[in-house]
Protein backbone atom coordinates (compact mmCIF):
# COMPACT_ATOMS: atom_id res chain seq x y z
CA MET A 1 12.69 -40.58 7.37
CA ARG A 2 12.51 -42.94 4.38
CA ASP A 3 10.51 -40.36 2.44
CA ILE A 4 13.00 -37.63 3.32
CA ALA A 5 15.91 -39.81 2.23
CA ARG A 6 14.14 -40.69 -1.02
CA ASP A 7 13.32 -37.05 -1.77
CA ALA A 8 16.90 -36.04 -0.98
CA GLY A 9 18.28 -38.86 -3.12
CA VAL A 10 20.28 -40.39 -0.28
CA ALA A 11 20.19 -43.56 1.77
CA VAL A 12 18.07 -43.64 4.93
CA GLU A 13 21.27 -44.35 6.87
CA THR A 14 22.68 -41.04 5.61
CA VAL A 15 19.72 -39.16 7.06
CA TYR A 16 20.01 -40.99 10.38
CA SER A 17 23.77 -40.41 10.53
CA ASN A 18 23.07 -36.67 10.52
CA PHE A 19 19.76 -36.59 12.41
CA SER A 20 18.99 -39.22 15.01
CA SER A 21 15.21 -38.79 14.77
CA LYS A 22 12.37 -36.95 13.05
CA ALA A 23 12.22 -34.60 16.01
CA VAL A 24 15.91 -33.69 15.71
CA LEU A 25 15.55 -33.13 11.96
CA PHE A 26 12.40 -31.06 12.45
CA LYS A 27 14.10 -28.87 15.04
CA GLU A 28 17.12 -28.31 12.80
CA VAL A 29 14.91 -27.31 9.87
CA LEU A 30 13.04 -24.85 12.11
CA ASN A 31 16.30 -23.39 13.40
CA VAL A 32 17.48 -22.75 9.85
CA LEU A 33 14.14 -21.24 8.82
CA VAL A 34 13.97 -18.91 11.83
CA VAL A 35 17.24 -17.21 10.95
CA GLY A 36 17.08 -17.77 7.18
CA ASP A 37 20.39 -19.63 6.80
CA ASP A 38 22.51 -22.32 8.43
CA GLU A 39 25.06 -20.00 10.03
CA PRO A 40 25.41 -20.65 13.79
CA ILE A 41 24.38 -17.13 14.78
CA ALA A 42 21.41 -16.62 17.09
CA LEU A 43 18.56 -14.44 15.84
CA SER A 44 19.22 -11.97 18.67
CA GLU A 45 22.77 -11.51 17.40
CA ARG A 46 21.81 -10.76 13.81
CA PRO A 47 21.61 -7.32 12.14
CA GLU A 48 17.85 -7.67 11.61
CA PHE A 49 17.32 -7.97 15.35
CA ARG A 50 19.88 -5.30 16.17
CA ALA A 51 17.99 -2.86 13.89
CA GLY A 52 15.27 -2.84 16.52
CA MET A 53 17.70 -1.52 19.09
CA VAL A 54 18.79 1.76 17.49
CA GLY A 55 17.09 4.93 16.35
CA PRO A 56 13.78 6.54 17.23
CA LEU A 57 11.20 4.34 18.96
CA PRO A 58 8.80 4.16 15.96
CA ASP A 59 11.63 2.99 13.69
CA ARG A 60 12.75 0.38 16.22
CA ILE A 61 9.22 -0.95 16.60
CA GLU A 62 8.77 -1.17 12.84
CA ALA A 63 12.11 -2.99 12.50
CA MET A 64 10.92 -5.62 14.98
CA ALA A 65 7.56 -5.92 13.21
CA ARG A 66 9.40 -6.52 9.92
CA LEU A 67 11.54 -9.14 11.61
CA PHE A 68 8.40 -10.92 12.85
CA ALA A 69 6.96 -10.89 9.34
CA GLU A 70 10.16 -12.25 7.80
CA VAL A 71 10.50 -15.06 10.33
CA HIS A 72 6.82 -15.99 10.20
CA GLY A 73 6.90 -16.02 6.42
CA ARG A 74 9.54 -18.73 6.63
CA VAL A 75 8.30 -20.80 9.59
CA ALA A 76 4.55 -20.38 10.03
CA ARG A 77 3.44 -23.40 8.03
CA LEU A 78 6.08 -25.68 9.54
CA ARG A 79 5.08 -24.54 13.05
CA MET A 80 1.52 -25.56 12.27
CA VAL A 81 2.71 -28.96 11.06
CA LEU A 82 4.81 -29.44 14.19
CA ARG A 83 1.94 -28.53 16.47
CA GLU A 84 -0.35 -31.02 14.75
CA ALA A 85 2.27 -33.80 14.54
CA ALA A 86 3.10 -33.35 18.23
CA ARG A 87 -0.38 -34.61 19.07
CA ALA A 88 0.61 -38.10 17.89
CA ASP A 89 4.35 -38.27 18.60
CA ASP A 90 5.93 -37.80 22.03
CA ASP A 91 9.32 -36.81 20.59
CA LEU A 92 7.68 -34.15 18.45
CA LEU A 93 5.63 -33.03 21.45
CA GLU A 94 8.89 -32.42 23.31
CA THR A 95 10.22 -30.55 20.28
CA GLU A 96 7.05 -28.42 20.21
CA ARG A 97 7.52 -27.57 23.88
CA THR A 98 11.17 -26.69 23.29
CA VAL A 99 10.29 -24.48 20.32
CA ALA A 100 7.54 -22.72 22.30
CA ALA A 101 10.01 -22.08 25.15
CA GLU A 102 12.56 -20.69 22.67
CA GLU A 103 9.88 -18.44 21.15
CA ARG A 104 9.04 -17.21 24.64
CA GLU A 105 12.70 -16.39 25.23
CA GLN A 106 12.93 -14.52 21.90
CA THR A 107 9.79 -12.60 22.88
CA ARG A 108 11.41 -11.67 26.20
CA LEU A 109 14.51 -10.41 24.37
CA VAL A 110 12.36 -8.32 22.03
CA LEU A 111 10.35 -6.84 24.89
CA GLU A 112 13.50 -6.00 26.81
CA VAL A 113 14.44 -3.72 23.92
CA PHE A 114 11.41 -1.61 24.89
CA LEU A 115 10.65 -2.47 28.54
CA SER A 116 13.28 -2.72 31.26
CA ASP A 117 11.56 -5.55 33.14
CA PRO A 118 8.73 -7.20 31.20
CA SER A 119 6.38 -9.29 33.34
CA ASP A 120 5.44 -12.89 32.57
CA ASN A 121 2.06 -11.60 31.39
CA ASP A 122 3.78 -9.13 29.06
CA ILE A 123 5.98 -11.86 27.62
CA GLU A 124 3.28 -14.51 27.23
CA GLY A 125 0.69 -12.06 25.93
CA TRP A 126 3.11 -10.64 23.40
CA GLN A 127 4.19 -14.16 22.40
CA ALA A 128 0.56 -14.79 21.46
CA VAL A 129 0.16 -11.49 19.61
CA SER A 130 3.39 -11.96 17.69
CA SER A 131 2.82 -15.66 16.98
CA SER A 132 3.06 -17.33 13.61
CA ASP A 133 -0.55 -18.45 14.10
CA LEU A 134 -1.76 -14.85 14.11
CA TYR A 135 0.46 -14.10 11.13
CA VAL A 136 -1.18 -16.95 9.16
CA LEU A 137 -4.66 -15.85 10.22
CA LEU A 138 -4.08 -12.29 9.06
CA THR A 139 -2.05 -12.90 5.90
CA GLU A 140 -3.45 -16.17 4.60
CA VAL A 141 -6.98 -16.37 5.98
CA HIS A 142 -7.84 -12.66 5.84
CA GLY A 143 -5.58 -11.84 2.90
CA TRP A 144 -3.51 -9.08 4.49
CA THR A 145 -0.31 -8.08 2.76
CA THR A 146 2.97 -8.23 4.62
CA GLU A 147 2.91 -4.42 4.75
CA GLN A 148 -0.54 -4.45 6.37
CA TYR A 149 0.72 -6.94 8.95
CA VAL A 150 3.86 -4.89 9.68
CA SER A 151 1.81 -1.68 10.01
CA TRP A 152 -0.71 -3.31 12.34
CA ILE A 153 1.95 -4.90 14.56
CA THR A 154 3.79 -1.56 14.65
CA GLU A 155 0.65 0.37 15.64
CA LEU A 156 -0.37 -2.25 18.20
CA THR A 157 3.10 -2.23 19.75
CA GLN A 158 3.18 1.57 19.92
CA ALA A 159 -0.22 1.61 21.63
CA ALA A 160 0.78 -1.12 24.09
CA LEU A 161 4.02 0.61 24.96
CA ALA A 162 2.26 3.96 25.36
CA ALA A 163 -0.22 2.30 27.74
CA LYS A 164 2.77 1.17 29.81
CA GLY A 165 4.20 4.70 29.79
CA VAL A 166 7.00 4.02 27.31
CA VAL A 167 7.49 7.10 25.13
CA ARG A 168 11.22 6.98 24.37
């Protein structure tokens, strides 16, 4: 927290008066990065999410894939830092668990756009496929462009939905 205060040019007490711990600060930064601003509007209530709810199925799927790419582009590295830091800090471990549970809930909301009653396996499997870890692997390690990622997620989603009989 001292380093954060120094970098922000404020007193440590100022940081603590707004954020009671590193874990609280970390969670707030992630919340802002997920949605891209500090407005108190949930991702599921934003136009980017709503775009995945209207129009032909292929367009809706692509809109969700673009949303994944946008969010991951903002949060992927910080998620990796949180996961690693959680190994040594119980408060950050709790934050990591909370963030993972919130990601699971967002995944459920996305799947409900396409499936009326997604199973736990659907939700957890799709949480893995649409994770920031996979985004980093494909875009940073393998050098995929954002467009390649969006196309692949779109195609994969279409195939998965077709396998479940969804052809809306």
